[in-house]
Protein backbone atom coordinates (compact mmCIF):
# COMPACT_ATOMS: atom_id res chain seq x y z
CA GLN A 1 115.74 97.52 144.45
CA ARG A 2 117.14 95.75 141.37
CA LYS A 3 114.61 92.96 141.79
CA ASN A 4 111.73 95.22 142.86
CA PRO A 5 109.11 95.19 140.05
CA PHE A 6 107.70 98.49 141.32
CA SER A 7 111.00 100.35 141.06
CA SER A 8 111.21 102.77 138.17
CA ASP A 9 114.86 103.61 138.67
CA ASP A 10 116.56 102.50 135.43
CA ARG A 11 120.05 103.18 136.84
CA LEU A 12 119.74 100.20 139.17
CA ALA A 13 118.72 97.80 136.42
CA SER A 14 121.83 98.51 134.34
CA LYS A 15 124.30 97.63 137.11
CA PRO A 16 125.45 94.07 137.72
CA ALA A 17 123.55 92.33 140.51
CA HIS A 18 126.68 91.61 142.58
CA THR A 19 130.29 90.59 142.27
CA HIS A 20 131.95 87.41 143.43
CA ARG A 21 135.10 86.90 145.49
CA GLY A 22 137.28 86.22 142.46
CA ASP A 23 136.22 89.45 140.78
CA PRO A 24 138.88 92.22 141.03
CA THR A 25 136.15 94.76 141.91
CA TYR A 26 134.81 92.64 144.78
CA GLY A 27 134.59 94.66 147.99
CA ARG A 28 135.51 97.92 146.28
CA PRO A 29 133.32 100.92 145.60
CA PRO A 30 132.46 101.74 141.99
CA GLU A 31 135.30 103.47 140.17
CA GLY A 32 134.96 107.25 140.12
CA SER A 33 132.31 107.28 142.86
CA ARG A 34 132.30 109.63 145.84
CA THR A 35 132.72 106.58 148.07
CA GLU A 36 135.95 105.68 146.28
CA GLN A 37 137.20 109.26 146.68
CA ARG A 38 136.38 109.28 150.42
CA GLY A 39 138.34 106.03 150.80
CA LYS A 40 141.35 107.50 149.01
CA ASP A 41 141.19 110.65 151.15
CA ALA A 42 140.99 108.59 154.36
CA HIS A 43 143.95 106.45 153.29
CA SER A 44 145.99 109.57 152.60
CA HIS A 45 145.05 111.12 155.95
CA VAL A 46 146.06 108.01 157.91
CA GLY A 47 149.34 107.86 155.99
CA LYS A 48 150.13 111.41 157.07
CA GLU A 49 149.34 110.56 160.69
CA VAL A 50 151.70 107.56 160.54
CA GLU A 51 154.46 109.81 159.16
CA GLU A 52 153.84 112.34 161.93
CA LEU A 53 153.98 109.60 164.57
CA CYS A 54 157.34 108.40 163.23
CA LEU A 55 158.70 111.96 163.34
CA ILE A 56 157.58 112.33 166.95
CA ILE A 57 159.23 109.02 167.89
CA ARG A 58 162.45 110.22 166.22
CA ARG A 59 162.26 113.56 168.05
CA THR A 60 161.38 112.24 171.54
CA GLY A 61 163.17 108.88 171.48
CA VAL A 62 166.68 107.82 172.30
CA VAL A 63 169.12 106.25 169.85
CA GLY A 64 170.09 102.77 171.03
CA GLU A 65 173.28 100.78 170.52
CA ASP A 66 171.76 99.23 167.39
CA GLY A 67 171.19 102.69 165.87
CA HIS A 68 167.39 102.52 166.12
CA VAL A 69 165.40 105.19 167.93
CA SER A 70 163.26 103.90 170.80
CA VAL A 71 160.69 105.42 173.12
CA THR A 72 158.41 104.00 175.79
CA PHE A 73 154.70 103.86 175.13
CA GLY A 74 154.00 106.03 178.19
CA GLN A 75 156.29 108.79 176.96
CA LEU A 76 154.93 108.57 173.41
CA PHE A 77 151.34 108.57 174.64
CA GLU A 78 151.88 111.72 176.71
CA THR A 79 153.50 113.49 173.77
CA TYR A 80 151.22 112.32 170.97
CA VAL A 81 147.84 112.44 172.72
CA THR A 82 147.87 116.24 172.47
CA ILE A 83 148.06 115.84 168.68
CA SER A 84 145.65 112.95 168.18
CA ASN A 85 143.61 110.63 170.39
CA LYS A 86 144.25 107.70 168.01
CA VAL A 87 147.77 106.87 169.23
CA VAL A 88 147.27 103.11 169.49
CA GLY A 89 145.48 102.79 166.15
CA ILE A 90 148.19 104.73 164.36
CA LEU A 91 150.88 102.64 166.08
CA LEU A 92 149.18 99.45 164.90
CA ARG A 93 149.03 100.80 161.34
CA ALA A 94 152.72 101.80 161.49
CA ARG A 95 153.64 98.31 162.72
CA LYS A 96 151.58 96.73 159.94
CA HIS A 97 153.68 98.69 157.42
CA GLY A 98 156.96 97.69 159.12
CA LEU A 99 157.82 101.16 160.41
CA VAL A 100 157.82 100.41 164.16
CA HIS A 101 158.19 97.37 166.41
CA PHE A 102 156.78 96.67 169.86
CA GLU A 103 155.85 93.57 171.83
CA GLY A 104 152.26 92.53 172.29
CA GLU A 105 149.04 92.69 170.32
CA MET A 106 147.66 95.90 171.81
CA LEU A 107 148.98 98.68 174.03
CA TRP A 108 146.99 100.01 176.98
CA GLN A 109 147.60 103.31 178.75
CA GLY A 110 148.91 102.73 182.25
CA LYS A 111 149.41 98.98 181.90
CA ASP A 112 151.86 99.14 178.99
CA ASP A 113 153.60 102.46 179.72
CA ASP A 114 157.01 100.70 179.93
CA VAL A 115 156.72 98.87 176.59
CA VAL A 116 159.49 99.99 174.24
CA ILE A 117 158.51 101.14 170.75
CA THR A 118 161.36 101.02 168.24
CA LEU A 119 161.41 103.01 165.01
CA LEU A 120 162.64 100.73 162.23
């Protein structure tokens, strides 16, 4: 629309055409926009789900000789699936942040029920 000669929307003409990879605003919504707020809300929501998952692992798991709490994926799945159907996604996010450890790229119900998940 910025390049459309028939567009009468002056708001579009005042914005920069696009940003480049080196620009700190590249890939980010405009500051103060509703899109930015939705992103912040989503990030907060996922953070709360990760915290809840860690609490459930602590509650249902067993303390090992190393002092870390561990639980099998099958047991965690059965417990957590009643709370949220995003168990694997939340586990991956928790691992990304260094909160849990488990072997493998992805966990599958049934196939990986015996994989041990350790709370770090």
